[in-house]
PDB file of N, CA and C in Angstrom:
ATOM      1  N   MET A   1     -83.470  -6.677  65.928  1.00  0.00           N
ATOM      2  CA  MET A   1     -84.469  -5.828  65.281  1.00  0.00           C
ATOM      3  C   MET A   1     -83.737  -4.826  64.409  1.00  0.00           C
ATOM      4  N   SER A   2     -84.141  -4.681  63.153  1.00  0.00           N
ATOM      5  CA  SER A   2     -83.477  -3.737  62.269  1.00  0.00           C
ATOM      6  C   SER A   2     -84.387  -2.532  62.047  1.00  0.00           C
ATOM      7  N   THR A   3     -83.748  -1.398  61.834  1.00  0.00           N
ATOM      8  CA  THR A   3     -84.509  -0.176  61.523  1.00  0.00           C
ATOM      9  C   THR A   3     -84.230   0.258  60.131  1.00  0.00           C
ATOM     10  N   PHE A   4     -85.228   0.799  59.500  1.00  0.00           N
ATOM     11  CA  PHE A   4     -85.089   1.293  58.145  1.00  0.00           C
ATOM     12  C   PHE A   4     -85.033   2.821  58.164  1.00  0.00           C
ATOM     13  N   PRO A   5     -84.188   3.398  57.342  1.00  0.00           N
ATOM     14  CA  PRO A   5     -84.136   4.882  57.319  1.00  0.00           C
ATOM     15  C   PRO A   5     -85.486   5.445  56.760  1.00  0.00           C
ATOM     16  N   ILE A   6     -85.898   6.559  57.360  1.00  0.00           N
ATOM     17  CA  ILE A   6     -87.141   7.206  56.924  1.00  0.00           C
ATOM     18  C   ILE A   6     -86.820   8.119  55.704  1.00  0.00           C
ATOM     19  N   GLN A   7     -87.513   7.852  54.640  1.00  0.00           N
ATOM     20  CA  GLN A   7     -87.289   8.636  53.410  1.00  0.00           C
ATOM     21  C   GLN A   7     -88.506   9.530  53.194  1.00  0.00           C
ATOM     22  N   PRO A   8     -88.284  10.805  52.973  1.00  0.00           N
ATOM     23  CA  PRO A   8     -89.431  11.692  52.746  1.00  0.00           C
ATOM     24  C   PRO A   8     -90.162  11.385  51.459  1.00  0.00           C
ATOM     25  N   ILE A   9     -91.424  11.576  51.468  1.00  0.00           N
ATOM     26  CA  ILE A   9     -92.232  11.393  50.262  1.00  0.00           C
ATOM     27  C   ILE A   9     -92.009  12.599  49.393  1.00  0.00           C
ATOM     28  N   PRO A  10     -91.655  12.477  48.111  1.00  0.00           N
ATOM     29  CA  PRO A  10     -91.252  13.636  47.291  1.00  0.00           C
ATOM     30  C   PRO A  10     -92.377  14.648  47.025  1.00  0.00           C
ATOM     31  N   ASN A  11     -93.649  14.193  46.975  1.00  0.00           N
ATOM     32  CA  ASN A  11     -94.772  15.100  46.615  1.00  0.00           C
ATOM     33  C   ASN A  11     -95.598  15.439  47.835  1.00  0.00           C
ATOM     34  N   GLU A  12     -95.056  15.464  49.028  1.00  0.00           N
ATOM     35  CA  GLU A  12     -95.816  15.762  50.221  1.00  0.00           C
ATOM     36  C   GLU A  12     -95.587  17.215  50.602  1.00  0.00           C
ATOM     37  N   PHE A  13     -96.707  17.887  50.893  1.00  0.00           N
ATOM     38  CA  PHE A  13     -96.646  19.327  51.268  1.00  0.00           C
ATOM     39  C   PHE A  13     -97.239  19.512  52.628  1.00  0.00           C
ATOM     40  N   HIS A  14     -96.686  20.405  53.370  1.00  0.00           N
ATOM     41  CA  HIS A  14     -97.160  20.737  54.708  1.00  0.00           C
ATOM     42  C   HIS A  14     -98.016  21.999  54.541  1.00  0.00           C
ATOM     43  N   VAL A  15     -99.279  21.950  54.896  1.00  0.00           N
ATOM     44  CA  VAL A  15    -100.226  23.055  54.792  1.00  0.00           C
ATOM     45  C   VAL A  15    -100.247  23.805  56.094  1.00  0.00           C
ATOM     46  N   VAL A  16    -100.079  25.132  56.084  1.00  0.00           N
ATOM     47  CA  VAL A  16    -100.134  25.956  57.272  1.00  0.00           C
ATOM     48  C   VAL A  16    -101.285  26.936  57.060  1.00  0.00           C
ATOM     49  N   HIS A  17    -102.209  26.958  58.059  1.00  0.00           N
ATOM     50  CA  HIS A  17    -103.352  27.880  57.979  1.00  0.00           C
ATOM     51  C   HIS A  17    -102.814  29.316  58.203  1.00  0.00           C
ATOM     52  N   PRO A  18    -103.335  30.307  57.462  1.00  0.00           N
ATOM     53  CA  PRO A  18    -102.871  31.675  57.616  1.00  0.00           C
ATOM     54  C   PRO A  18    -102.889  32.213  59.039  1.00  0.00           C
ATOM     55  N   LEU A  19    -103.857  31.784  59.824  1.00  0.00           N
ATOM     56  CA  LEU A  19    -103.906  32.273  61.220  1.00  0.00           C
ATOM     57  C   LEU A  19    -102.824  31.647  62.079  1.00  0.00           C
ATOM     58  N   ASP A  20    -102.283  30.539  61.683  1.00  0.00           N
ATOM     59  CA  ASP A  20    -101.253  29.830  62.429  1.00  0.00           C
ATOM     60  C   ASP A  20     -99.859  30.204  61.933  1.00  0.00           C
ATOM     61  N   ASP A  21     -99.810  30.851  60.810  1.00  0.00           N
ATOM     62  CA  ASP A  21     -98.513  31.198  60.193  1.00  0.00           C
ATOM     63  C   ASP A  21     -97.867  32.408  60.924  1.00  0.00           C
ATOM     64  N   VAL A  22     -96.591  32.535  60.746  1.00  0.00           N
ATOM     65  CA  VAL A  22     -95.843  33.700  61.310  1.00  0.00           C
ATOM     66  C   VAL A  22     -96.224  34.942  60.558  1.00  0.00           C
ATOM     67  N   ALA A  23     -96.530  36.019  61.286  1.00  0.00           N
ATOM     68  CA  ALA A  23     -96.943  37.263  60.631  1.00  0.00           C
ATOM     69  C   ALA A  23     -95.785  37.916  59.871  1.00  0.00           C
ATOM     70  N   GLU A  24     -96.100  38.380  58.664  1.00  0.00           N
ATOM     71  CA  GLU A  24     -95.054  38.994  57.834  1.00  0.00           C
ATOM     72  C   GLU A  24     -94.931  40.477  58.191  1.00  0.00           C
ATOM     73  N   LYS A  25     -93.732  41.029  57.946  1.00  0.00           N
ATOM     74  CA  LYS A  25     -93.495  42.413  58.193  1.00  0.00           C
ATOM     75  C   LYS A  25     -94.187  43.242  57.113  1.00  0.00           C
ATOM     76  N   LYS A  26     -94.944  44.243  57.536  1.00  0.00           N
ATOM     77  CA  LYS A  26     -95.659  45.105  56.556  1.00  0.00           C
ATOM     78  C   LYS A  26     -94.788  46.234  56.067  1.00  0.00           C
ATOM     79  N   CYS A  27     -95.047  46.688  54.889  1.00  0.00           N
ATOM     80  CA  CYS A  27     -94.271  47.756  54.316  1.00  0.00           C
ATOM     81  C   CYS A  27     -94.672  49.089  54.970  1.00  0.00           C
ATOM     82  N   ASP A  28     -93.691  49.922  55.112  1.00  0.00           N
ATOM     83  CA  ASP A  28     -93.944  51.266  55.693  1.00  0.00           C
ATOM     84  C   ASP A  28     -94.055  52.274  54.528  1.00  0.00           C
ATOM     85  N   ALA A  29     -95.224  52.900  54.378  1.00  0.00           N
ATOM     86  CA  ALA A  29     -95.443  53.818  53.314  1.00  0.00           C
ATOM     87  C   ALA A  29     -95.336  55.268  53.713  1.00  0.00           C
ATOM     88  N   GLN A  30     -94.743  55.503  54.842  1.00  0.00           N
ATOM     89  CA  GLN A  30     -94.663  56.862  55.346  1.00  0.00           C
ATOM     90  C   GLN A  30     -93.783  57.791  54.492  1.00  0.00           C
ATOM     91  N   GLY A  31     -92.661  57.265  53.993  1.00  0.00           N
ATOM     92  CA  GLY A  31     -91.735  58.102  53.269  1.00  0.00           C
ATOM     93  C   GLY A  31     -91.993  58.142  51.772  1.00  0.00           C
ATOM     94  N   LEU A  32     -93.029  57.525  51.293  1.00  0.00           N
ATOM     95  CA  LEU A  32     -93.344  57.419  49.874  1.00  0.00           C
ATOM     96  C   LEU A  32     -94.034  58.684  49.415  1.00  0.00           C
ATOM     97  N   GLY A  33     -93.757  59.121  48.235  1.00  0.00           N
ATOM     98  CA  GLY A  33     -94.446  60.278  47.637  1.00  0.00           C
ATOM     99  C   GLY A  33     -95.613  59.882  46.809  1.00  0.00           C
ATOM    100  N   PRO A  34     -96.249  60.832  46.182  1.00  0.00           N
ATOM    101  CA  PRO A  34     -97.357  60.528  45.262  1.00  0.00           C
ATOM    102  C   PRO A  34     -96.930  59.724  44.058  1.00  0.00           C
ATOM    103  N   ILE A  35     -97.804  58.916  43.566  1.00  0.00           N
ATOM    104  CA  ILE A  35     -97.496  58.065  42.391  1.00  0.00           C
ATOM    105  C   ILE A  35     -97.886  58.855  41.155  1.00  0.00           C
ATOM    106  N   ARG A  36     -96.949  58.890  40.155  1.00  0.00           N
ATOM    107  CA  ARG A  36     -97.261  59.553  38.923  1.00  0.00           C
ATOM    108  C   ARG A  36     -98.169  58.655  38.103  1.00  0.00           C
ATOM    109  N   MET A  37     -99.214  59.329  37.510  1.00  0.00           N
ATOM    110  CA  MET A  37    -100.150  58.591  36.661  1.00  0.00           C
ATOM    111  C   MET A  37     -99.888  58.886  35.195  1.00  0.00           C
ATOM    112  N   THR A  38     -99.906  57.847  34.395  1.00  0.00           N
ATOM    113  CA  THR A  38     -99.747  58.016  32.982  1.00  0.00           C
ATOM    114  C   THR A  38    -101.062  58.516  32.397  1.00  0.00           C
ATOM    115  N   PRO A  39    -101.044  59.056  31.167  1.00  0.00           N
ATOM    116  CA  PRO A  39    -102.317  59.479  30.525  1.00  0.00           C
ATOM    117  C   PRO A  39    -103.316  58.356  30.400  1.00  0.00           C
ATOM    118  N   ALA A  40    -102.835  57.167  30.157  1.00  0.00           N
ATOM    119  CA  ALA A  40    -103.775  56.024  30.031  1.00  0.00           C
ATOM    120  C   ALA A  40    -104.502  55.723  31.336  1.00  0.00           C
ATOM    121  N   VAL A  41    -103.752  55.865  32.457  1.00  0.00           N
ATOM    122  CA  VAL A  41    -104.357  55.630  33.751  1.00  0.00           C
ATOM    123  C   VAL A  41    -105.365  56.703  34.079  1.00  0.00           C
ATOM    124  N   LYS A  42    -105.056  57.969  33.775  1.00  0.00           N
ATOM    125  CA  LYS A  42    -105.998  59.062  34.023  1.00  0.00           C
ATOM    126  C   LYS A  42    -107.256  58.881  33.194  1.00  0.00           C
ATOM    127  N   LEU A  43    -107.100  58.484  31.920  1.00  0.00           N
ATOM    128  CA  LEU A  43    -108.247  58.236  31.070  1.00  0.00           C
ATOM    129  C   LEU A  43    -109.108  57.097  31.638  1.00  0.00           C
ATOM    130  N   SER A  44    -108.461  56.050  32.052  1.00  0.00           N
ATOM    131  CA  SER A  44    -109.225  54.885  32.599  1.00  0.00           C
ATOM    132  C   SER A  44    -109.984  55.290  33.870  1.00  0.00           C
ATOM    133  N   LEU A  45    -109.376  56.101  34.725  1.00  0.00           N
ATOM    134  CA  LEU A  45    -110.042  56.550  35.918  1.00  0.00           C
ATOM    135  C   LEU A  45    -111.235  57.479  35.607  1.00  0.00           C
ATOM    136  N   ARG A  46    -111.090  58.284  34.594  1.00  0.00           N
ATOM    137  CA  ARG A  46    -112.189  59.134  34.211  1.00  0.00           C
ATOM    138  C   ARG A  46    -113.341  58.358  33.624  1.00  0.00           C
ATOM    139  N   ILE A  47    -113.038  57.326  32.848  1.00  0.00           N
ATOM    140  CA  ILE A  47    -114.065  56.471  32.308  1.00  0.00           C
ATOM    141  C   ILE A  47    -114.775  55.720  33.437  1.00  0.00           C
ATOM    142  N   LEU A  48    -114.015  55.198  34.382  1.00  0.00           N
ATOM    143  CA  LEU A  48    -114.617  54.549  35.537  1.00  0.00           C
ATOM    144  C   LEU A  48    -115.499  55.466  36.338  1.00  0.00           C
ATOM    145  N   ARG A  49    -115.051  56.679  36.532  1.00  0.00           N
ATOM    146  CA  ARG A  49    -115.875  57.640  37.267  1.00  0.00           C
ATOM    147  C   ARG A  49    -117.178  57.950  36.517  1.00  0.00           C
ATOM    148  N   GLY A  50    -117.105  58.128  35.226  1.00  0.00           N
ATOM    149  CA  GLY A  50    -118.326  58.341  34.414  1.00  0.00           C
ATOM    150  C   GLY A  50    -119.271  57.174  34.496  1.00  0.00           C
ATOM    151  N   TYR A  51    -118.717  55.960  34.410  1.00  0.00           N
ATOM    152  CA  TYR A  51    -119.543  54.754  34.519  1.00  0.00           C
ATOM    153  C   TYR A  51    -120.226  54.662  35.884  1.00  0.00           C
ATOM    154  N   LEU A  52    -119.497  54.955  36.968  1.00  0.00           N
ATOM    155  CA  LEU A  52    -120.118  54.870  38.291  1.00  0.00           C
ATOM    156  C   LEU A  52    -121.212  55.941  38.437  1.00  0.00           C
ATOM    157  N   VAL A  53    -120.983  57.155  37.902  1.00  0.00           N
ATOM    158  CA  VAL A  53    -121.979  58.206  37.987  1.00  0.00           C
ATOM    159  C   VAL A  53    -123.247  57.757  37.201  1.00  0.00           C
ATOM    160  N   LEU A  54    -123.019  57.185  36.012  1.00  0.00           N
ATOM    161  CA  LEU A  54    -124.120  56.787  35.177  1.00  0.00           C
ATOM    162  C   LEU A  54    -124.934  55.660  35.856  1.00  0.00           C
ATOM    163  N   MET A  55    -124.294  54.691  36.457  1.00  0.00           N
ATOM    164  CA  MET A  55    -124.933  53.611  37.139  1.00  0.00           C
ATOM    165  C   MET A  55    -125.709  54.119  38.381  1.00  0.00           C
ATOM    166  N   THR A  56    -125.173  55.129  39.085  1.00  0.00           N
ATOM    167  CA  THR A  56    -125.837  55.698  40.219  1.00  0.00           C
ATOM    168  C   THR A  56    -127.125  56.435  39.787  1.00  0.00           C
ATOM    169  N   LEU A  57    -127.039  57.160  38.677  1.00  0.00           N
ATOM    170  CA  LEU A  57    -128.208  57.853  38.195  1.00  0.00           C
ATOM    171  C   LEU A  57    -129.265  56.860  37.690  1.00  0.00           C
ATOM    172  N   MET A  58    -128.854  55.788  37.071  1.00  0.00           N
ATOM    173  CA  MET A  58    -129.816  54.793  36.642  1.00  0.00           C
ATOM    174  C   MET A  58    -130.466  54.101  37.869  1.00  0.00           C
ATOM    175  N   LEU A  59    -129.710  53.849  38.917  1.00  0.00           N
ATOM    176  CA  LEU A  59    -130.294  53.284  40.132  1.00  0.00           C
ATOM    177  C   LEU A  59    -131.271  54.239  40.788  1.00  0.00           C
ATOM    178  N   ALA A  60    -130.932  55.502  40.843  1.00  0.00           N
ATOM    179  CA  ALA A  60    -131.821  56.515  41.416  1.00  0.00           C
ATOM    180  C   ALA A  60    -133.104  56.570  40.621  1.00  0.00           C
ATOM    181  N   TYR A  61    -133.031  56.568  39.303  1.00  0.00           N
ATOM    182  CA  TYR A  61    -134.213  56.620  38.495  1.00  0.00           C
ATOM    183  C   TYR A  61    -135.062  55.354  38.732  1.00  0.00           C
ATOM    184  N   HIS A  62    -134.447  54.202  38.803  1.00  0.00           N
ATOM    185  CA  HIS A  62    -135.197  52.982  39.019  1.00  0.00           C
ATOM    186  C   HIS A  62    -135.933  52.990  40.386  1.00  0.00           C
ATOM    187  N   VAL A  63    -135.242  53.476  41.409  1.00  0.00           N
ATOM    188  CA  VAL A  63    -135.878  53.582  42.738  1.00  0.00           C
ATOM    189  C   VAL A  63    -137.002  54.532  42.715  1.00  0.00           C
ATOM    190  N   LEU A  64    -136.855  55.673  42.107  1.00  0.00           N
ATOM    191  CA  LEU A  64    -137.948  56.671  41.986  1.00  0.00           C
ATOM    192  C   LEU A  64    -139.109  56.107  41.157  1.00  0.00           C
ATOM    193  N   ASP A  65    -138.826  55.352  40.132  1.00  0.00           N
ATOM    194  CA  ASP A  65    -139.844  54.734  39.326  1.00  0.00           C
ATOM    195  C   ASP A  65    -140.598  53.679  40.137  1.00  0.00           C
ATOM    196  N   LEU A  66    -139.942  52.939  40.939  1.00  0.00           N
ATOM    197  CA  LEU A  66    -140.590  51.894  41.818  1.00  0.00           C
ATOM    198  C   LEU A  66    -141.475  52.595  42.809  1.00  0.00           C
ATOM    199  N   ALA A  67    -141.083  53.760  43.248  1.00  0.00           N
ATOM    200  CA  ALA A  67    -141.865  54.508  44.244  1.00  0.00           C
ATOM    201  C   ALA A  67    -142.997  55.324  43.612  1.00  0.00           C
ATOM    202  N   HIS A  68    -143.161  55.182  42.276  1.00  0.00           N
ATOM    203  CA  HIS A  68    -144.154  55.904  41.448  1.00  0.00           C
ATOM    204  C   HIS A  68    -144.012  57.409  41.594  1.00  0.00           C
ATOM    205  N   LEU A  69    -142.824  57.903  41.617  1.00  0.00           N
ATOM    206  CA  LEU A  69    -142.543  59.333  41.669  1.00  0.00           C
ATOM    207  C   LEU A  69    -142.130  59.888  40.351  1.00  0.00           C
ATOM    208  N   VAL A  70    -142.006  59.021  39.337  1.00  0.00           N
ATOM    209  CA  VAL A  70    -141.601  59.445  38.002  1.00  0.00           C
ATOM    210  C   VAL A  70    -142.861  59.416  37.102  1.00  0.00           C
ATOM    211  N   PRO A  71    -143.215  60.533  36.483  1.00  0.00           N
ATOM    212  CA  PRO A  71    -144.427  60.482  35.623  1.00  0.00           C
ATOM    213  C   PRO A  71    -144.195  59.586  34.382  1.00  0.00           C
ATOM    214  N   LYS A  72    -145.183  58.879  34.005  1.00  0.00           N
ATOM    215  CA  LYS A  72    -145.109  58.020  32.820  1.00  0.00           C
ATOM    216  C   LYS A  72    -145.208  58.856  31.558  1.00  0.00           C
ATOM    217  N   LEU A  73    -144.360  58.568  30.596  1.00  0.00           N
ATOM    218  CA  LEU A  73    -144.400  59.286  29.330  1.00  0.00           C
ATOM    219  C   LEU A  73    -145.151  58.411  28.291  1.00  0.00           C
ATOM    220  N   ARG A  74    -146.101  59.061  27.550  1.00  0.00           N
ATOM    221  CA  ARG A  74    -146.877  58.303  26.559  1.00  0.00           C
ATOM    222  C   ARG A  74    -146.496  58.694  25.223  1.00  0.00           C
TER     223      ARG A  74
END
């Protein structure tokens, strides 16, 4: 009886589920200082804040309108 050597298939991948994988070491952020923000980042955050405030006001108006608490303008 002859045996043939086992040759790996070149495009075969072994899939490991994340819950079965070895846990990775997490970074320790204790010794880190504050991150410097560039002017572009500050501007972007201010625009985002304004957008969120505007959307919240629009939602509040819509809820009040649905509850018939906003007088109709003619």
